[in-house]
Amino acid sequence: MRRLAEITDKRVASKMLEHVGFPSDAPEPWPARGPPESGSSSRCFDDEPQADDDTPATHVQ
């Protein structure tokens, strides 16, 4: 692929995008997320026992 042209006029770009069925305006930004939860409550694996877990760990060998 090679560049054939560069569109710098916003009106021309809008007309071209709308002609082929694409939106010509920018999408709305997503709302901001809250901060990550702090503490040791985040776990990668739900089946891994933790020190405060009362369930004994069983390992199959």
PDB file of N, CA and C in Angstrom:
ATOM      1  N   MET A   1       0.845  -1.173   0.000  1.00  0.00           N
ATOM      2  CA  MET A   1       0.000   0.000   0.000  1.00  0.00           C
ATOM      3  C   MET A   1       0.893   1.240   0.000  1.00  0.00           C
ATOM      4  N   ARG A   2       0.399   2.253  -0.658  1.00  0.00           N
ATOM      5  CA  ARG A   2       1.127   3.516  -0.653  1.00  0.00           C
ATOM      6  C   ARG A   2       0.129   4.657  -0.557  1.00  0.00           C
ATOM      7  N   ARG A   3       0.590   5.733  -0.028  1.00  0.00           N
ATOM      8  CA  ARG A   3      -0.261   6.905   0.165  1.00  0.00           C
ATOM      9  C   ARG A   3      -0.485   7.601  -1.166  1.00  0.00           C
ATOM     10  N   LEU A   4      -1.748   7.846  -1.458  1.00  0.00           N
ATOM     11  CA  LEU A   4      -2.084   8.532  -2.701  1.00  0.00           C
ATOM     12  C   LEU A   4      -2.362  10.008  -2.480  1.00  0.00           C
ATOM     13  N   ALA A   5      -2.942  10.334  -1.315  1.00  0.00           N
ATOM     14  CA  ALA A   5      -3.290  11.725  -1.044  1.00  0.00           C
ATOM     15  C   ALA A   5      -3.397  11.932   0.453  1.00  0.00           C
ATOM     16  N   GLU A   6      -3.363  13.186   0.868  1.00  0.00           N
ATOM     17  CA  GLU A   6      -3.541  13.548   2.267  1.00  0.00           C
ATOM     18  C   GLU A   6      -4.652  14.600   2.335  1.00  0.00           C
ATOM     19  N   ILE A   7      -5.710  14.263   3.056  1.00  0.00           N
ATOM     20  CA  ILE A   7      -6.848  15.172   3.167  1.00  0.00           C
ATOM     21  C   ILE A   7      -6.623  16.055   4.392  1.00  0.00           C
ATOM     22  N   THR A   8      -6.523  17.352   4.202  1.00  0.00           N
ATOM     23  CA  THR A   8      -6.290  18.276   5.306  1.00  0.00           C
ATOM     24  C   THR A   8      -7.492  19.173   5.581  1.00  0.00           C
ATOM     25  N   ASP A   9      -8.415  19.265   4.656  1.00  0.00           N
ATOM     26  CA  ASP A   9      -9.609  20.089   4.834  1.00  0.00           C
ATOM     27  C   ASP A   9     -10.676  19.262   5.552  1.00  0.00           C
ATOM     28  N   LYS A  10     -11.126  19.734   6.726  1.00  0.00           N
ATOM     29  CA  LYS A  10     -12.103  18.986   7.532  1.00  0.00           C
ATOM     30  C   LYS A  10     -13.431  18.784   6.801  1.00  0.00           C
ATOM     31  N   ARG A  11     -13.833  19.762   6.026  1.00  0.00           N
ATOM     32  CA  ARG A  11     -15.109  19.633   5.304  1.00  0.00           C
ATOM     33  C   ARG A  11     -15.037  18.526   4.260  1.00  0.00           C
ATOM     34  N   VAL A  12     -13.925  18.434   3.555  1.00  0.00           N
ATOM     35  CA  VAL A  12     -13.750  17.397   2.542  1.00  0.00           C
ATOM     36  C   VAL A  12     -13.685  16.031   3.216  1.00  0.00           C
ATOM     37  N   ALA A  13     -12.943  15.938   4.316  1.00  0.00           N
ATOM     38  CA  ALA A  13     -12.836  14.669   5.035  1.00  0.00           C
ATOM     39  C   ALA A  13     -14.200  14.217   5.554  1.00  0.00           C
ATOM     40  N   SER A  14     -14.988  15.151   6.073  1.00  0.00           N
ATOM     41  CA  SER A  14     -16.327  14.811   6.579  1.00  0.00           C
ATOM     42  C   SER A  14     -17.224  14.289   5.464  1.00  0.00           C
ATOM     43  N   LYS A  15     -17.211  14.949   4.324  1.00  0.00           N
ATOM     44  CA  LYS A  15     -18.031  14.507   3.193  1.00  0.00           C
ATOM     45  C   LYS A  15     -17.626  13.118   2.720  1.00  0.00           C
ATOM     46  N   MET A  16     -16.323  12.866   2.660  1.00  0.00           N
ATOM     47  CA  MET A  16     -15.847  11.556   2.209  1.00  0.00           C
ATOM     48  C   MET A  16     -16.237  10.457   3.200  1.00  0.00           C
ATOM     49  N   LEU A  17     -16.048  10.712   4.485  1.00  0.00           N
ATOM     50  CA  LEU A  17     -16.396   9.713   5.500  1.00  0.00           C
ATOM     51  C   LEU A  17     -17.892   9.412   5.498  1.00  0.00           C
ATOM     52  N   GLU A  18     -18.717  10.456   5.437  1.00  0.00           N
ATOM     53  CA  GLU A  18     -20.172  10.256   5.429  1.00  0.00           C
ATOM     54  C   GLU A  18     -20.620   9.534   4.157  1.00  0.00           C
ATOM     55  N   HIS A  19     -19.963   9.784   3.057  1.00  0.00           N
ATOM     56  CA  HIS A  19     -20.324   9.142   1.793  1.00  0.00           C
ATOM     57  C   HIS A  19     -20.133   7.622   1.855  1.00  0.00           C
ATOM     58  N   VAL A  20     -19.088   7.166   2.549  1.00  0.00           N
ATOM     59  CA  VAL A  20     -18.836   5.731   2.646  1.00  0.00           C
ATOM     60  C   VAL A  20     -19.480   5.115   3.895  1.00  0.00           C
ATOM     61  N   GLY A  21     -20.231   5.909   4.666  1.00  0.00           N
ATOM     62  CA  GLY A  21     -20.988   5.376   5.790  1.00  0.00           C
ATOM     63  C   GLY A  21     -20.304   5.420   7.141  1.00  0.00           C
ATOM     64  N   PHE A  22     -19.210   6.158   7.257  1.00  0.00           N
ATOM     65  CA  PHE A  22     -18.520   6.291   8.540  1.00  0.00           C
ATOM     66  C   PHE A  22     -18.924   7.596   9.206  1.00  0.00           C
ATOM     67  N   PRO A  23     -18.920   7.632  10.548  1.00  0.00           N
ATOM     68  CA  PRO A  23     -19.229   8.902  11.221  1.00  0.00           C
ATOM     69  C   PRO A  23     -18.081   9.890  11.033  1.00  0.00           C
ATOM     70  N   SER A  24     -18.426  11.148  10.880  1.00  0.00           N
ATOM     71  CA  SER A  24     -17.393  12.157  10.664  1.00  0.00           C
ATOM     72  C   SER A  24     -17.056  12.915  11.938  1.00  0.00           C
ATOM     73  N   ASP A  25     -17.785  12.662  13.023  1.00  0.00           N
ATOM     74  CA  ASP A  25     -17.471  13.332  14.282  1.00  0.00           C
ATOM     75  C   ASP A  25     -16.788  12.342  15.236  1.00  0.00           C
ATOM     76  N   ALA A  26     -16.052  12.876  16.173  1.00  0.00           N
ATOM     77  CA  ALA A  26     -15.308  12.035  17.110  1.00  0.00           C
ATOM     78  C   ALA A  26     -16.278  11.357  18.082  1.00  0.00           C
ATOM     79  N   PRO A  27     -15.979  10.140  18.508  1.00  0.00           N
ATOM     80  CA  PRO A  27     -16.854   9.469  19.475  1.00  0.00           C
ATOM     81  C   PRO A  27     -16.760  10.118  20.849  1.00  0.00           C
ATOM     82  N   GLU A  28     -17.803   9.934  21.640  1.00  0.00           N
ATOM     83  CA  GLU A  28     -17.806  10.465  23.001  1.00  0.00           C
ATOM     84  C   GLU A  28     -16.794   9.694  23.845  1.00  0.00           C
ATOM     85  N   PRO A  29     -16.049  10.385  24.704  1.00  0.00           N
ATOM     86  CA  PRO A  29     -15.086   9.665  25.548  1.00  0.00           C
ATOM     87  C   PRO A  29     -15.808   8.834  26.609  1.00  0.00           C
ATOM     88  N   TRP A  30     -15.177   7.736  27.012  1.00  0.00           N
ATOM     89  CA  TRP A  30     -15.741   6.896  28.057  1.00  0.00           C
ATOM     90  C   TRP A  30     -15.587   7.601  29.395  1.00  0.00           C
ATOM     91  N   PRO A  31     -16.490   7.345  30.342  1.00  0.00           N
ATOM     92  CA  PRO A  31     -16.340   7.971  31.660  1.00  0.00           C
ATOM     93  C   PRO A  31     -15.094   7.441  32.368  1.00  0.00           C
ATOM     94  N   ALA A  32     -14.532   8.266  33.229  1.00  0.00           N
ATOM     95  CA  ALA A  32     -13.325   7.882  33.961  1.00  0.00           C
ATOM     96  C   ALA A  32     -13.639   6.781  34.964  1.00  0.00           C
ATOM     97  N   ARG A  33     -12.668   5.890  35.158  1.00  0.00           N
ATOM     98  CA  ARG A  33     -12.812   4.825  36.147  1.00  0.00           C
ATOM     99  C   ARG A  33     -12.336   5.321  37.497  1.00  0.00           C
ATOM    100  N   GLY A  34     -12.795   4.656  38.534  1.00  0.00           N
ATOM    101  CA  GLY A  34     -12.317   4.948  39.869  1.00  0.00           C
ATOM    102  C   GLY A  34     -10.944   4.339  40.070  1.00  0.00           C
ATOM    103  N   PRO A  35     -10.320   4.651  41.197  1.00  0.00           N
ATOM    104  CA  PRO A  35      -9.000   4.078  41.457  1.00  0.00           C
ATOM    105  C   PRO A  35      -9.104   2.575  41.696  1.00  0.00           C
ATOM    106  N   PRO A  36      -8.026   1.844  41.492  1.00  0.00           N
ATOM    107  CA  PRO A  36      -8.071   0.403  41.738  1.00  0.00           C
ATOM    108  C   PRO A  36      -8.290   0.119  43.217  1.00  0.00           C
ATOM    109  N   GLU A  37      -8.907  -1.017  43.494  1.00  0.00           N
ATOM    110  CA  GLU A  37      -9.141  -1.374  44.882  1.00  0.00           C
ATOM    111  C   GLU A  37      -7.811  -1.678  45.544  1.00  0.00           C
ATOM    112  N   SER A  38      -7.638  -1.145  46.743  1.00  0.00           N
ATOM    113  CA  SER A  38      -6.393  -1.397  47.457  1.00  0.00           C
ATOM    114  C   SER A  38      -6.594  -2.533  48.456  1.00  0.00           C
ATOM    115  N   GLY A  39      -5.503  -3.077  48.938  1.00  0.00           N
ATOM    116  CA  GLY A  39      -5.572  -4.159  49.903  1.00  0.00           C
ATOM    117  C   GLY A  39      -5.213  -5.479  49.278  1.00  0.00           C
ATOM    118  N   SER A  40      -5.268  -6.530  50.074  1.00  0.00           N
ATOM    119  CA  SER A  40      -4.882  -7.857  49.585  1.00  0.00           C
ATOM    120  C   SER A  40      -6.076  -8.656  49.106  1.00  0.00           C
ATOM    121  N   SER A  41      -7.196  -7.989  48.872  1.00  0.00           N
ATOM    122  CA  SER A  41      -8.393  -8.728  48.468  1.00  0.00           C
ATOM    123  C   SER A  41      -8.382  -9.106  46.993  1.00  0.00           C
ATOM    124  N   SER A  42      -7.504  -8.486  46.194  1.00  0.00           N
ATOM    125  CA  SER A  42      -7.473  -8.841  44.777  1.00  0.00           C
ATOM    126  C   SER A  42      -6.659 -10.114  44.603  1.00  0.00           C
ATOM    127  N   ARG A  43      -7.268 -11.093  43.942  1.00  0.00           N
ATOM    128  CA  ARG A  43      -6.631 -12.386  43.736  1.00  0.00           C
ATOM    129  C   ARG A  43      -6.686 -12.730  42.265  1.00  0.00           C
ATOM    130  N   CYS A  44      -5.617 -13.322  41.789  1.00  0.00           N
ATOM    131  CA  CYS A  44      -5.580 -13.713  40.382  1.00  0.00           C
ATOM    132  C   CYS A  44      -6.370 -14.990  40.149  1.00  0.00           C
ATOM    133  N   PHE A  45      -6.250 -15.948  41.076  1.00  0.00           N
ATOM    134  CA  PHE A  45      -6.887 -17.237  40.902  1.00  0.00           C
ATOM    135  C   PHE A  45      -7.837 -17.469  42.067  1.00  0.00           C
ATOM    136  N   ASP A  46      -9.098 -17.746  41.772  1.00  0.00           N
ATOM    137  CA  ASP A  46     -10.088 -17.931  42.817  1.00  0.00           C
ATOM    138  C   ASP A  46      -9.889 -19.224  43.594  1.00  0.00           C
ATOM    139  N   ASP A  47      -9.224 -20.212  43.023  1.00  0.00           N
ATOM    140  CA  ASP A  47      -9.083 -21.485  43.710  1.00  0.00           C
ATOM    141  C   ASP A  47      -7.805 -21.577  44.542  1.00  0.00           C
ATOM    142  N   GLU A  48      -6.991 -20.528  44.588  1.00  0.00           N
ATOM    143  CA  GLU A  48      -5.789 -20.548  45.409  1.00  0.00           C
ATOM    144  C   GLU A  48      -6.142 -20.219  46.847  1.00  0.00           C
ATOM    145  N   PRO A  49      -5.695 -21.023  47.807  1.00  0.00           N
ATOM    146  CA  PRO A  49      -5.954 -20.698  49.212  1.00  0.00           C
ATOM    147  C   PRO A  49      -5.107 -19.517  49.652  1.00  0.00           C
ATOM    148  N   GLN A  50      -5.652 -18.721  50.551  1.00  0.00           N
ATOM    149  CA  GLN A  50      -4.921 -17.606  51.122  1.00  0.00           C
ATOM    150  C   GLN A  50      -4.701 -17.884  52.602  1.00  0.00           C
ATOM    151  N   ALA A  51      -3.852 -17.092  53.244  1.00  0.00           N
ATOM    152  CA  ALA A  51      -3.539 -17.291  54.654  1.00  0.00           C
ATOM    153  C   ALA A  51      -4.779 -17.154  55.526  1.00  0.00           C
ATOM    154  N   ASP A  52      -5.726 -16.290  55.164  1.00  0.00           N
ATOM    155  CA  ASP A  52      -6.931 -16.102  55.967  1.00  0.00           C
ATOM    156  C   ASP A  52      -8.055 -17.050  55.563  1.00  0.00           C
ATOM    157  N   ASP A  53      -7.802 -17.957  54.628  1.00  0.00           N
ATOM    158  CA  ASP A  53      -8.801 -18.912  54.155  1.00  0.00           C
ATOM    159  C   ASP A  53      -8.845 -20.098  55.115  1.00  0.00           C
ATOM    160  N   ASP A  54     -10.038 -20.444  55.638  1.00  0.00           N
ATOM    161  CA  ASP A  54     -10.195 -21.537  56.585  1.00  0.00           C
ATOM    162  C   ASP A  54     -10.221 -22.894  55.914  1.00  0.00           C
ATOM    163  N   THR A  55     -10.387 -22.939  54.590  1.00  0.00           N
ATOM    164  CA  THR A  55     -10.480 -24.186  53.866  1.00  0.00           C
ATOM    165  C   THR A  55      -9.088 -24.782  53.700  1.00  0.00           C
ATOM    166  N   PRO A  56      -8.869 -26.061  54.101  1.00  0.00           N
ATOM    167  CA  PRO A  56      -7.539 -26.637  53.910  1.00  0.00           C
ATOM    168  C   PRO A  56      -7.245 -26.860  52.426  1.00  0.00           C
ATOM    169  N   ALA A  57      -6.012 -26.647  52.064  1.00  0.00           N
ATOM    170  CA  ALA A  57      -5.588 -26.840  50.679  1.00  0.00           C
ATOM    171  C   ALA A  57      -5.368 -28.325  50.412  1.00  0.00           C
ATOM    172  N   THR A  58      -5.855 -28.802  49.302  1.00  0.00           N
ATOM    173  CA  THR A  58      -5.642 -30.186  48.926  1.00  0.00           C
ATOM    174  C   THR A  58      -4.855 -30.206  47.631  1.00  0.00           C
ATOM    175  N   HIS A  59      -3.794 -30.945  47.627  1.00  0.00           N
ATOM    176  CA  HIS A  59      -2.955 -31.038  46.438  1.00  0.00           C
ATOM    177  C   HIS A  59      -2.941 -32.484  45.964  1.00  0.00           C
ATOM    178  N   VAL A  60      -3.148 -32.693  44.698  1.00  0.00           N
ATOM    179  CA  VAL A  60      -3.133 -34.028  44.109  1.00  0.00           C
ATOM    180  C   VAL A  60      -1.777 -34.223  43.446  1.00  0.00           C
ATOM    181  N   GLN A  61      -1.118 -35.343  43.783  1.00  0.00           N
ATOM    182  CA  GLN A  61       0.186 -35.599  43.180  1.00  0.00           C
ATOM    183  C   GLN A  61       0.130 -36.814  42.326  1.00  0.00           C
TER     184      GLN A  61
END
